[in-house]
N, C-alpha and C. Protein backbone atom coordinates (compact mmCIF):
# COMPACT_ATOMS: atom_id res chain seq x y z
N UNK A 1 42.97 -26.25 4.57
CA UNK A 1 42.81 -25.58 5.83
C UNK A 1 44.18 -25.59 6.52
N UNK A 2 44.65 -24.42 6.89
CA UNK A 2 45.96 -24.38 7.56
C UNK A 2 45.79 -24.66 9.06
N UNK A 3 46.90 -24.77 9.75
CA UNK A 3 46.88 -25.18 11.16
C UNK A 3 46.21 -24.14 12.06
N UNK A 4 46.34 -22.84 11.72
CA UNK A 4 45.70 -21.80 12.53
C UNK A 4 44.17 -21.89 12.42
N UNK A 5 43.67 -22.13 11.19
CA UNK A 5 42.22 -22.27 10.98
C UNK A 5 41.69 -23.49 11.72
N UNK A 6 42.48 -24.60 11.69
CA UNK A 6 42.05 -25.83 12.34
C UNK A 6 41.99 -25.62 13.86
N UNK A 7 42.96 -24.90 14.42
CA UNK A 7 42.98 -24.64 15.86
C UNK A 7 41.79 -23.77 16.26
N UNK A 8 41.47 -22.76 15.45
CA UNK A 8 40.32 -21.90 15.74
C UNK A 8 39.02 -22.71 15.70
N UNK A 9 38.91 -23.58 14.71
CA UNK A 9 37.71 -24.41 14.58
C UNK A 9 37.55 -25.31 15.80
N UNK A 10 38.63 -26.00 16.21
CA UNK A 10 38.56 -26.91 17.36
C UNK A 10 38.24 -26.15 18.65
N UNK A 11 38.77 -24.92 18.80
CA UNK A 11 38.44 -24.11 19.97
C UNK A 11 36.96 -23.73 19.99
N UNK A 12 36.43 -23.41 18.85
CA UNK A 12 35.03 -23.02 18.75
C UNK A 12 34.11 -24.21 19.03
N UNK A 13 34.52 -25.40 18.68
CA UNK A 13 33.70 -26.60 18.84
C UNK A 13 33.95 -27.33 20.16
N UNK A 14 34.73 -26.78 21.04
CA UNK A 14 35.14 -27.44 22.28
C UNK A 14 33.96 -27.86 23.16
N UNK A 15 32.92 -27.01 23.32
CA UNK A 15 31.82 -27.34 24.21
C UNK A 15 30.59 -27.91 23.49
N UNK A 16 30.73 -28.27 22.26
CA UNK A 16 29.62 -28.84 21.48
C UNK A 16 29.47 -30.31 21.86
N UNK A 17 28.22 -30.73 22.13
CA UNK A 17 27.94 -32.13 22.48
C UNK A 17 27.18 -32.77 21.32
N UNK A 18 27.44 -34.01 20.99
CA UNK A 18 26.73 -34.67 19.89
C UNK A 18 25.27 -34.94 20.26
N UNK A 19 24.41 -34.96 19.24
CA UNK A 19 23.00 -35.26 19.45
C UNK A 19 22.85 -36.72 19.86
N UNK A 20 21.84 -37.01 20.67
CA UNK A 20 21.62 -38.39 21.10
C UNK A 20 21.18 -39.24 19.92
N UNK A 21 20.30 -38.71 19.11
CA UNK A 21 19.83 -39.46 17.95
C UNK A 21 20.34 -38.72 16.71
N UNK A 22 21.06 -39.42 15.90
CA UNK A 22 21.73 -38.78 14.78
C UNK A 22 20.76 -38.31 13.70
N UNK A 23 19.71 -39.04 13.47
CA UNK A 23 18.77 -38.65 12.42
C UNK A 23 17.43 -38.30 13.03
N UNK A 24 16.83 -37.28 12.49
CA UNK A 24 15.49 -36.89 12.92
C UNK A 24 14.56 -37.02 11.72
N UNK A 25 13.47 -37.71 11.92
CA UNK A 25 12.52 -37.90 10.85
C UNK A 25 11.45 -36.81 10.93
N UNK A 26 11.23 -36.18 9.83
CA UNK A 26 10.19 -35.16 9.76
C UNK A 26 8.90 -35.81 9.30
N UNK A 27 7.81 -35.35 9.88
CA UNK A 27 6.52 -35.87 9.45
C UNK A 27 6.28 -35.39 8.02
N UNK A 28 5.72 -36.25 7.21
CA UNK A 28 5.45 -35.80 5.83
C UNK A 28 4.41 -34.68 5.85
N UNK A 29 4.62 -33.72 5.00
CA UNK A 29 3.70 -32.59 4.90
C UNK A 29 2.34 -33.08 4.41
N UNK A 30 1.32 -32.47 4.94
CA UNK A 30 -0.03 -32.84 4.50
C UNK A 30 -0.16 -32.53 3.01
N UNK A 31 -0.79 -33.41 2.27
CA UNK A 31 -0.92 -33.14 0.84
C UNK A 31 -1.77 -31.89 0.61
N UNK A 32 -1.33 -31.10 -0.32
CA UNK A 32 -2.06 -29.88 -0.65
C UNK A 32 -3.38 -30.24 -1.32
N UNK A 33 -4.42 -29.53 -0.96
CA UNK A 33 -5.68 -29.79 -1.66
C UNK A 33 -5.53 -29.34 -3.11
N UNK A 34 -6.03 -30.14 -3.99
CA UNK A 34 -5.95 -29.79 -5.41
C UNK A 34 -6.85 -28.60 -5.69
N UNK A 35 -6.31 -27.65 -6.40
CA UNK A 35 -7.08 -26.46 -6.75
C UNK A 35 -7.97 -26.82 -7.93
N UNK A 36 -9.27 -26.80 -7.67
CA UNK A 36 -10.23 -27.12 -8.71
C UNK A 36 -10.41 -25.90 -9.61
N UNK A 37 -10.28 -26.08 -10.88
CA UNK A 37 -10.47 -25.00 -11.84
C UNK A 37 -11.96 -24.80 -12.06
N UNK A 38 -12.42 -23.59 -11.86
CA UNK A 38 -13.84 -23.29 -12.07
C UNK A 38 -14.05 -23.13 -13.57
N UNK A 39 -14.61 -24.16 -14.17
CA UNK A 39 -14.76 -24.15 -15.64
C UNK A 39 -15.75 -23.09 -16.09
N UNK A 40 -16.67 -22.70 -15.23
CA UNK A 40 -17.61 -21.65 -15.59
C UNK A 40 -16.87 -20.34 -15.83
N UNK A 41 -15.84 -20.06 -15.02
CA UNK A 41 -15.10 -18.81 -15.13
C UNK A 41 -14.26 -18.74 -16.41
N UNK A 42 -14.03 -19.89 -17.05
CA UNK A 42 -13.29 -19.87 -18.32
C UNK A 42 -14.08 -19.13 -19.39
N UNK A 43 -15.41 -19.13 -19.26
CA UNK A 43 -16.27 -18.45 -20.22
C UNK A 43 -16.59 -17.01 -19.83
N UNK A 44 -16.03 -16.55 -18.72
CA UNK A 44 -16.33 -15.22 -18.20
C UNK A 44 -15.82 -14.15 -19.17
N UNK A 45 -16.74 -13.41 -19.74
CA UNK A 45 -16.40 -12.41 -20.75
C UNK A 45 -16.41 -10.99 -20.20
N UNK A 46 -16.64 -10.81 -18.91
CA UNK A 46 -16.74 -9.48 -18.33
C UNK A 46 -15.38 -8.78 -18.34
N UNK A 47 -15.36 -7.55 -18.79
CA UNK A 47 -14.10 -6.82 -18.97
C UNK A 47 -13.71 -6.08 -17.69
N UNK A 48 -12.41 -5.90 -17.52
CA UNK A 48 -11.91 -5.15 -16.37
C UNK A 48 -10.94 -4.06 -16.80
N UNK A 49 -10.98 -3.67 -18.04
CA UNK A 49 -10.06 -2.65 -18.55
C UNK A 49 -10.42 -1.27 -18.04
N UNK A 50 -10.25 -0.27 -18.89
CA UNK A 50 -10.51 1.12 -18.55
C UNK A 50 -11.93 1.27 -18.01
N UNK A 51 -12.07 2.04 -16.96
CA UNK A 51 -13.38 2.21 -16.32
C UNK A 51 -13.73 3.68 -16.24
N UNK A 52 -14.92 4.00 -16.69
CA UNK A 52 -15.43 5.35 -16.54
C UNK A 52 -16.28 5.36 -15.26
N UNK A 53 -15.85 6.14 -14.28
CA UNK A 53 -16.51 6.18 -12.97
C UNK A 53 -17.89 6.82 -13.10
N UNK A 54 -18.90 6.14 -12.57
CA UNK A 54 -20.25 6.70 -12.53
C UNK A 54 -20.35 7.51 -11.24
N UNK A 55 -20.63 8.82 -11.34
CA UNK A 55 -20.72 9.64 -10.13
C UNK A 55 -21.79 9.12 -9.18
N UNK A 56 -21.58 9.32 -7.88
CA UNK A 56 -22.52 8.84 -6.87
C UNK A 56 -23.90 9.46 -7.02
N UNK A 57 -23.95 10.71 -7.46
CA UNK A 57 -25.23 11.40 -7.59
C UNK A 57 -26.06 10.85 -8.75
N UNK A 58 -25.41 10.14 -9.66
CA UNK A 58 -26.11 9.61 -10.84
C UNK A 58 -26.62 8.20 -10.55
N UNK A 59 -27.94 7.99 -10.57
CA UNK A 59 -28.46 6.65 -10.31
C UNK A 59 -28.16 5.71 -11.49
N UNK A 60 -27.97 4.44 -11.18
CA UNK A 60 -27.72 3.46 -12.24
C UNK A 60 -29.03 3.18 -12.97
N UNK A 61 -28.98 3.18 -14.28
CA UNK A 61 -30.16 2.84 -15.06
C UNK A 61 -29.75 2.37 -16.45
N UNK A 62 -30.47 1.37 -16.95
CA UNK A 62 -30.19 0.81 -18.27
C UNK A 62 -31.45 0.10 -18.74
N UNK A 63 -31.74 0.24 -20.04
CA UNK A 63 -32.88 -0.45 -20.64
C UNK A 63 -32.49 -0.88 -22.03
N UNK A 64 -32.66 -2.16 -22.33
CA UNK A 64 -32.39 -2.66 -23.68
C UNK A 64 -33.41 -2.11 -24.65
N UNK A 65 -32.96 -1.96 -25.87
CA UNK A 65 -33.85 -1.49 -26.92
C UNK A 65 -34.97 -2.51 -27.11
N UNK A 66 -36.18 -2.02 -27.23
CA UNK A 66 -37.33 -2.90 -27.43
C UNK A 66 -38.10 -3.18 -26.15
N UNK A 67 -37.50 -2.90 -25.00
CA UNK A 67 -38.19 -3.13 -23.73
C UNK A 67 -39.12 -1.95 -23.47
N UNK A 68 -40.32 -2.26 -23.01
CA UNK A 68 -41.30 -1.20 -22.77
C UNK A 68 -40.86 -0.32 -21.61
N UNK A 69 -41.17 0.97 -21.72
CA UNK A 69 -40.82 1.91 -20.67
C UNK A 69 -41.52 1.58 -19.35
N UNK A 70 -42.71 1.02 -19.43
CA UNK A 70 -43.47 0.66 -18.24
C UNK A 70 -42.77 -0.41 -17.42
N UNK A 71 -42.06 -1.31 -18.09
CA UNK A 71 -41.32 -2.36 -17.38
C UNK A 71 -40.20 -1.74 -16.56
N UNK A 72 -39.46 -0.81 -17.16
CA UNK A 72 -38.39 -0.14 -16.43
C UNK A 72 -38.96 0.69 -15.28
N UNK A 73 -40.09 1.33 -15.50
CA UNK A 73 -40.71 2.14 -14.45
C UNK A 73 -41.16 1.27 -13.28
N UNK A 74 -41.75 0.12 -13.56
CA UNK A 74 -42.15 -0.80 -12.48
C UNK A 74 -40.92 -1.33 -11.75
N UNK A 75 -39.87 -1.59 -12.49
CA UNK A 75 -38.63 -2.06 -11.87
C UNK A 75 -38.08 -0.98 -10.95
N UNK A 76 -38.07 0.25 -11.41
CA UNK A 76 -37.57 1.39 -10.63
C UNK A 76 -38.39 1.60 -9.36
N UNK A 77 -39.69 1.32 -9.43
CA UNK A 77 -40.58 1.49 -8.27
C UNK A 77 -40.56 0.27 -7.34
N UNK A 78 -39.80 -0.77 -7.71
CA UNK A 78 -39.70 -1.95 -6.87
C UNK A 78 -40.95 -2.81 -6.87
N UNK A 79 -41.74 -2.75 -7.94
CA UNK A 79 -42.99 -3.50 -7.99
C UNK A 79 -42.79 -4.98 -8.32
N UNK A 80 -41.62 -5.34 -8.80
CA UNK A 80 -41.32 -6.74 -9.05
C UNK A 80 -40.59 -7.31 -7.84
N UNK A 81 -41.07 -8.42 -7.32
CA UNK A 81 -40.38 -9.08 -6.20
C UNK A 81 -39.08 -9.66 -6.70
N UNK A 82 -37.99 -9.42 -5.96
CA UNK A 82 -36.73 -10.01 -6.40
C UNK A 82 -36.67 -11.46 -5.94
N UNK A 83 -36.26 -12.33 -6.86
CA UNK A 83 -36.26 -13.77 -6.62
C UNK A 83 -34.94 -14.27 -6.08
N UNK A 84 -33.89 -13.48 -6.21
CA UNK A 84 -32.57 -13.84 -5.69
C UNK A 84 -31.78 -12.56 -5.49
N UNK A 85 -30.77 -12.63 -4.62
CA UNK A 85 -29.94 -11.45 -4.40
C UNK A 85 -28.48 -11.85 -4.28
N UNK A 86 -27.62 -10.89 -4.57
CA UNK A 86 -26.17 -11.08 -4.51
C UNK A 86 -25.57 -9.93 -3.73
N UNK A 87 -24.71 -10.25 -2.75
CA UNK A 87 -24.06 -9.23 -1.93
C UNK A 87 -22.60 -9.13 -2.34
N UNK A 88 -22.19 -7.97 -2.85
CA UNK A 88 -20.82 -7.73 -3.28
C UNK A 88 -20.07 -6.77 -2.36
N UNK A 89 -20.60 -6.53 -1.18
CA UNK A 89 -19.99 -5.56 -0.27
C UNK A 89 -18.59 -5.99 0.15
N UNK A 90 -17.66 -5.03 0.14
CA UNK A 90 -16.29 -5.18 0.65
C UNK A 90 -15.55 -6.37 0.03
N UNK A 91 -15.72 -6.59 -1.24
CA UNK A 91 -15.02 -7.68 -1.92
C UNK A 91 -14.16 -7.10 -3.04
N UNK A 92 -13.04 -7.75 -3.34
CA UNK A 92 -12.18 -7.26 -4.43
C UNK A 92 -12.93 -7.29 -5.77
N UNK A 93 -12.52 -6.42 -6.67
CA UNK A 93 -13.19 -6.29 -7.96
C UNK A 93 -13.20 -7.61 -8.72
N UNK A 94 -12.08 -8.33 -8.73
CA UNK A 94 -12.03 -9.59 -9.48
C UNK A 94 -12.99 -10.62 -8.90
N UNK A 95 -13.10 -10.66 -7.59
CA UNK A 95 -14.04 -11.58 -6.96
C UNK A 95 -15.48 -11.18 -7.28
N UNK A 96 -15.76 -9.89 -7.31
CA UNK A 96 -17.09 -9.39 -7.69
C UNK A 96 -17.41 -9.81 -9.12
N UNK A 97 -16.43 -9.69 -9.99
CA UNK A 97 -16.60 -10.05 -11.40
C UNK A 97 -16.97 -11.53 -11.52
N UNK A 98 -16.25 -12.38 -10.81
CA UNK A 98 -16.50 -13.82 -10.88
C UNK A 98 -17.86 -14.18 -10.27
N UNK A 99 -18.18 -13.57 -9.13
CA UNK A 99 -19.46 -13.87 -8.48
C UNK A 99 -20.64 -13.39 -9.32
N UNK A 100 -20.52 -12.22 -9.92
CA UNK A 100 -21.60 -11.70 -10.75
C UNK A 100 -21.83 -12.61 -11.95
N UNK A 101 -20.75 -13.04 -12.59
CA UNK A 101 -20.88 -13.91 -13.75
C UNK A 101 -21.60 -15.21 -13.37
N UNK A 102 -21.17 -15.83 -12.27
CA UNK A 102 -21.79 -17.08 -11.83
C UNK A 102 -23.24 -16.85 -11.42
N UNK A 103 -23.53 -15.72 -10.76
CA UNK A 103 -24.88 -15.42 -10.29
C UNK A 103 -25.85 -15.23 -11.46
N UNK A 104 -25.47 -14.43 -12.43
CA UNK A 104 -26.36 -14.18 -13.59
C UNK A 104 -26.55 -15.47 -14.38
N UNK A 105 -25.47 -16.22 -14.55
CA UNK A 105 -25.56 -17.49 -15.28
C UNK A 105 -26.52 -18.45 -14.56
N UNK A 106 -26.38 -18.57 -13.26
CA UNK A 106 -27.23 -19.46 -12.47
C UNK A 106 -28.69 -18.99 -12.48
N UNK A 107 -28.90 -17.69 -12.33
CA UNK A 107 -30.26 -17.15 -12.31
C UNK A 107 -30.96 -17.39 -13.65
N UNK A 108 -30.25 -17.21 -14.75
CA UNK A 108 -30.89 -17.43 -16.04
C UNK A 108 -31.13 -18.92 -16.29
N UNK A 109 -30.26 -19.78 -15.76
CA UNK A 109 -30.47 -21.23 -15.88
C UNK A 109 -31.72 -21.66 -15.11
N UNK A 110 -31.97 -21.00 -13.97
CA UNK A 110 -33.11 -21.34 -13.12
C UNK A 110 -34.39 -20.64 -13.57
N UNK A 111 -34.29 -19.78 -14.56
CA UNK A 111 -35.47 -19.09 -15.07
C UNK A 111 -35.92 -17.93 -14.20
N UNK A 112 -35.01 -17.39 -13.38
CA UNK A 112 -35.36 -16.24 -12.54
C UNK A 112 -35.41 -14.98 -13.39
N UNK A 113 -36.25 -14.05 -12.99
CA UNK A 113 -36.42 -12.83 -13.79
C UNK A 113 -35.95 -11.57 -13.10
N UNK A 114 -36.15 -11.49 -11.77
CA UNK A 114 -35.88 -10.24 -11.06
C UNK A 114 -34.89 -10.48 -9.93
N UNK A 115 -33.81 -9.72 -9.96
CA UNK A 115 -32.71 -9.91 -9.02
C UNK A 115 -32.40 -8.61 -8.29
N UNK A 116 -31.76 -8.75 -7.13
CA UNK A 116 -31.26 -7.60 -6.39
C UNK A 116 -29.77 -7.82 -6.18
N UNK A 117 -28.98 -6.82 -6.55
CA UNK A 117 -27.53 -6.90 -6.35
C UNK A 117 -27.12 -5.74 -5.45
N UNK A 118 -26.53 -6.08 -4.30
CA UNK A 118 -26.07 -5.07 -3.34
C UNK A 118 -24.58 -4.88 -3.56
N UNK A 119 -24.19 -3.67 -3.94
CA UNK A 119 -22.78 -3.39 -4.26
C UNK A 119 -22.18 -2.36 -3.32
N UNK A 120 -22.99 -1.63 -2.61
CA UNK A 120 -22.50 -0.62 -1.69
C UNK A 120 -22.24 0.70 -2.40
N UNK A 121 -22.04 1.71 -1.58
CA UNK A 121 -21.69 3.02 -2.13
C UNK A 121 -20.75 3.70 -1.16
N UNK A 122 -19.77 4.32 -1.68
CA UNK A 122 -18.82 5.03 -0.84
C UNK A 122 -19.20 6.49 -0.71
N UNK A 123 -18.49 7.19 0.12
CA UNK A 123 -18.76 8.63 0.28
C UNK A 123 -18.07 9.44 -0.80
N UNK A 124 -17.11 8.82 -1.48
CA UNK A 124 -16.30 9.52 -2.47
C UNK A 124 -16.47 8.82 -3.82
N UNK A 125 -16.39 9.57 -4.91
CA UNK A 125 -16.51 8.98 -6.24
C UNK A 125 -15.44 7.92 -6.51
N UNK A 126 -14.26 8.05 -5.92
CA UNK A 126 -13.18 7.10 -6.17
C UNK A 126 -13.05 6.03 -5.08
N UNK A 127 -14.04 5.90 -4.21
CA UNK A 127 -13.98 4.87 -3.17
C UNK A 127 -14.17 3.49 -3.80
N UNK A 128 -13.75 2.46 -3.07
CA UNK A 128 -13.83 1.09 -3.60
C UNK A 128 -15.26 0.70 -3.95
N UNK A 129 -16.21 1.06 -3.08
CA UNK A 129 -17.61 0.70 -3.33
C UNK A 129 -18.11 1.33 -4.63
N UNK A 130 -17.70 2.56 -4.91
CA UNK A 130 -18.16 3.19 -6.13
C UNK A 130 -17.43 2.64 -7.36
N UNK A 131 -16.22 2.13 -7.19
CA UNK A 131 -15.52 1.46 -8.29
C UNK A 131 -16.29 0.19 -8.66
N UNK A 132 -16.68 -0.59 -7.65
CA UNK A 132 -17.47 -1.81 -7.89
C UNK A 132 -18.80 -1.44 -8.54
N UNK A 133 -19.42 -0.38 -8.06
CA UNK A 133 -20.70 0.09 -8.62
C UNK A 133 -20.54 0.46 -10.10
N UNK A 134 -19.46 1.14 -10.42
CA UNK A 134 -19.21 1.55 -11.81
C UNK A 134 -18.93 0.34 -12.70
N UNK A 135 -18.14 -0.61 -12.18
CA UNK A 135 -17.91 -1.84 -12.94
C UNK A 135 -19.21 -2.60 -13.15
N UNK A 136 -20.03 -2.66 -12.13
CA UNK A 136 -21.31 -3.37 -12.22
C UNK A 136 -22.18 -2.77 -13.31
N UNK A 137 -22.20 -1.44 -13.40
CA UNK A 137 -22.98 -0.77 -14.44
C UNK A 137 -22.50 -1.19 -15.83
N UNK A 138 -21.19 -1.38 -15.99
CA UNK A 138 -20.67 -1.82 -17.28
C UNK A 138 -20.95 -3.30 -17.51
N UNK A 139 -20.66 -4.12 -16.50
CA UNK A 139 -20.80 -5.57 -16.65
C UNK A 139 -22.22 -6.01 -16.96
N UNK A 140 -23.20 -5.39 -16.30
CA UNK A 140 -24.58 -5.81 -16.53
C UNK A 140 -25.02 -5.58 -17.97
N UNK A 141 -24.48 -4.53 -18.61
CA UNK A 141 -24.83 -4.29 -20.01
C UNK A 141 -24.19 -5.31 -20.94
N UNK A 142 -23.14 -6.01 -20.48
CA UNK A 142 -22.45 -6.99 -21.30
C UNK A 142 -23.19 -8.33 -21.36
N UNK A 143 -24.15 -8.54 -20.47
CA UNK A 143 -24.95 -9.77 -20.49
C UNK A 143 -26.12 -9.61 -21.44
N UNK A 144 -26.30 -10.59 -22.33
CA UNK A 144 -27.46 -10.57 -23.21
C UNK A 144 -28.75 -10.80 -22.42
N UNK A 145 -28.65 -11.55 -21.33
CA UNK A 145 -29.84 -11.90 -20.54
C UNK A 145 -30.41 -10.70 -19.79
N UNK A 146 -29.59 -9.68 -19.54
CA UNK A 146 -30.05 -8.52 -18.76
C UNK A 146 -30.86 -7.59 -19.66
N UNK A 147 -32.14 -7.43 -19.33
CA UNK A 147 -33.02 -6.56 -20.08
C UNK A 147 -32.94 -5.11 -19.58
N UNK A 148 -32.85 -4.98 -18.24
CA UNK A 148 -32.82 -3.64 -17.65
C UNK A 148 -32.25 -3.74 -16.24
N UNK A 149 -31.76 -2.60 -15.76
CA UNK A 149 -31.39 -2.49 -14.35
C UNK A 149 -31.50 -1.05 -13.93
N UNK A 150 -31.70 -0.85 -12.63
CA UNK A 150 -31.80 0.51 -12.08
C UNK A 150 -31.47 0.47 -10.60
N UNK A 151 -31.20 1.63 -10.04
CA UNK A 151 -30.91 1.72 -8.61
C UNK A 151 -32.13 1.29 -7.81
N UNK A 152 -31.88 0.71 -6.65
CA UNK A 152 -32.94 0.17 -5.81
C UNK A 152 -33.60 1.27 -4.98
N UNK A 153 -34.72 0.91 -4.38
CA UNK A 153 -35.39 1.81 -3.44
C UNK A 153 -34.59 1.87 -2.15
N UNK A 154 -34.77 2.93 -1.36
CA UNK A 154 -33.98 3.09 -0.12
C UNK A 154 -34.03 1.89 0.83
N UNK A 155 -35.18 1.24 0.97
CA UNK A 155 -35.26 0.12 1.90
C UNK A 155 -34.56 -1.15 1.38
N UNK A 156 -34.16 -1.16 0.12
CA UNK A 156 -33.38 -2.27 -0.44
C UNK A 156 -31.91 -1.90 -0.64
N UNK A 157 -31.54 -0.67 -0.29
CA UNK A 157 -30.14 -0.27 -0.40
C UNK A 157 -29.92 1.02 -1.17
N UNK A 158 -30.95 1.58 -1.77
CA UNK A 158 -30.83 2.85 -2.49
C UNK A 158 -29.77 2.79 -3.58
N UNK A 159 -28.90 3.80 -3.63
CA UNK A 159 -27.84 3.84 -4.63
C UNK A 159 -26.75 2.82 -4.37
N UNK A 160 -26.84 2.07 -3.28
CA UNK A 160 -25.87 1.03 -2.97
C UNK A 160 -26.34 -0.34 -3.42
N UNK A 161 -27.43 -0.39 -4.18
CA UNK A 161 -27.97 -1.66 -4.69
C UNK A 161 -28.69 -1.39 -6.00
N UNK A 162 -28.94 -2.43 -6.76
CA UNK A 162 -29.70 -2.25 -7.99
C UNK A 162 -30.59 -3.45 -8.26
N UNK A 163 -31.72 -3.14 -8.90
CA UNK A 163 -32.63 -4.18 -9.36
C UNK A 163 -32.21 -4.57 -10.77
N UNK A 164 -32.29 -5.84 -11.09
CA UNK A 164 -31.93 -6.33 -12.42
C UNK A 164 -33.08 -7.17 -12.96
N UNK A 165 -33.48 -6.91 -14.19
CA UNK A 165 -34.52 -7.69 -14.86
C UNK A 165 -33.86 -8.52 -15.95
N UNK A 166 -34.08 -9.83 -15.91
CA UNK A 166 -33.53 -10.74 -16.92
C UNK A 166 -34.60 -11.09 -17.94
N UNK A 167 -34.16 -11.57 -19.09
CA UNK A 167 -35.06 -12.04 -20.14
C UNK A 167 -35.84 -13.24 -19.65
N UNK A 168 -37.01 -13.41 -20.20
CA UNK A 168 -37.80 -14.60 -19.90
C UNK A 168 -37.14 -15.82 -20.52
N UNK A 169 -37.19 -16.92 -19.80
CA UNK A 169 -36.69 -18.18 -20.37
C UNK A 169 -37.71 -18.68 -21.39
N UNK A 170 -37.31 -19.62 -22.21
CA UNK A 170 -38.21 -20.18 -23.22
C UNK A 170 -39.42 -20.83 -22.56
N UNK A 171 -39.20 -21.50 -21.42
CA UNK A 171 -40.31 -22.15 -20.71
C UNK A 171 -41.30 -21.11 -20.18
N UNK A 172 -40.79 -20.00 -19.66
CA UNK A 172 -41.66 -18.94 -19.14
C UNK A 172 -42.45 -18.28 -20.27
N UNK A 173 -41.80 -18.11 -21.42
CA UNK A 173 -42.51 -17.54 -22.58
C UNK A 173 -43.65 -18.45 -23.01
N UNK A 174 -43.39 -19.75 -23.05
CA UNK A 174 -44.42 -20.72 -23.44
C UNK A 174 -45.56 -20.71 -22.44
N UNK A 175 -45.25 -20.65 -21.16
CA UNK A 175 -46.27 -20.63 -20.12
C UNK A 175 -47.15 -19.39 -20.26
N UNK A 176 -46.54 -18.23 -20.48
CA UNK A 176 -47.29 -16.99 -20.66
C UNK A 176 -48.16 -17.08 -21.90
N UNK A 177 -47.62 -17.61 -22.96
CA UNK A 177 -48.38 -17.72 -24.21
C UNK A 177 -49.59 -18.62 -24.00
N UNK A 178 -49.39 -19.75 -23.29
CA UNK A 178 -50.51 -20.67 -23.06
C UNK A 178 -51.58 -20.04 -22.19
N UNK A 179 -51.18 -19.29 -21.17
CA UNK A 179 -52.16 -18.63 -20.30
C UNK A 179 -52.98 -17.61 -21.08
N UNK A 180 -52.32 -16.81 -21.89
CA UNK A 180 -53.02 -15.77 -22.65
C UNK A 180 -53.80 -16.35 -23.81
N UNK A 181 -53.32 -17.44 -24.39
CA UNK A 181 -54.02 -18.08 -25.49
C UNK A 181 -55.34 -18.68 -25.00
N UNK A 182 -55.35 -19.21 -23.78
CA UNK A 182 -56.58 -19.79 -23.22
C UNK A 182 -57.64 -18.72 -22.98
N UNK A 183 -57.22 -17.52 -22.62
CA UNK A 183 -58.17 -16.43 -22.39
C UNK A 183 -58.81 -15.96 -23.68
N UNK A 184 -58.05 -16.01 -24.75
CA UNK A 184 -58.54 -15.46 -26.01
C UNK A 184 -59.49 -16.40 -26.73
N UNK A 185 -59.67 -17.62 -26.27
CA UNK A 185 -60.58 -18.58 -26.92
C UNK A 185 -61.99 -18.36 -26.55
């Protein structure tokens, strides 16, 4: 540092006063909460690749091979009481994917058969609600437990919701068999 630089520095620092306490101790930062890994989501097989948009005018419907047409018709008419429901309104697609996977997994573990999923509907085919609706139509077919699904009745959400029928659990099959076997004796 030459003498001119030193003089400029001292002139600039002329009115600077030293701090009363030389060191300041900062409070330690609160420990971050550990991010718990959702082990259920590690098994999530639902795809998010290319999506074929389902037009709004087209109602959602699906029936597994071997399922009686009468079951789908009763489902379409809302004759089965829904035992649980899931609301996916205004949520990002990835969050919808994770919630749907956990919901179907939980419902099948509990032996539930009839579900209502509210996904919403937009005014435009490319609106966010219709993107979620289109993904839902694909995702539900990827579950082995899903026997059928269709758009809901207007008082349950119409084209903005769908009824889902799951396979019977082994316990429910046994219960049905025992009830019908007793009648046939």
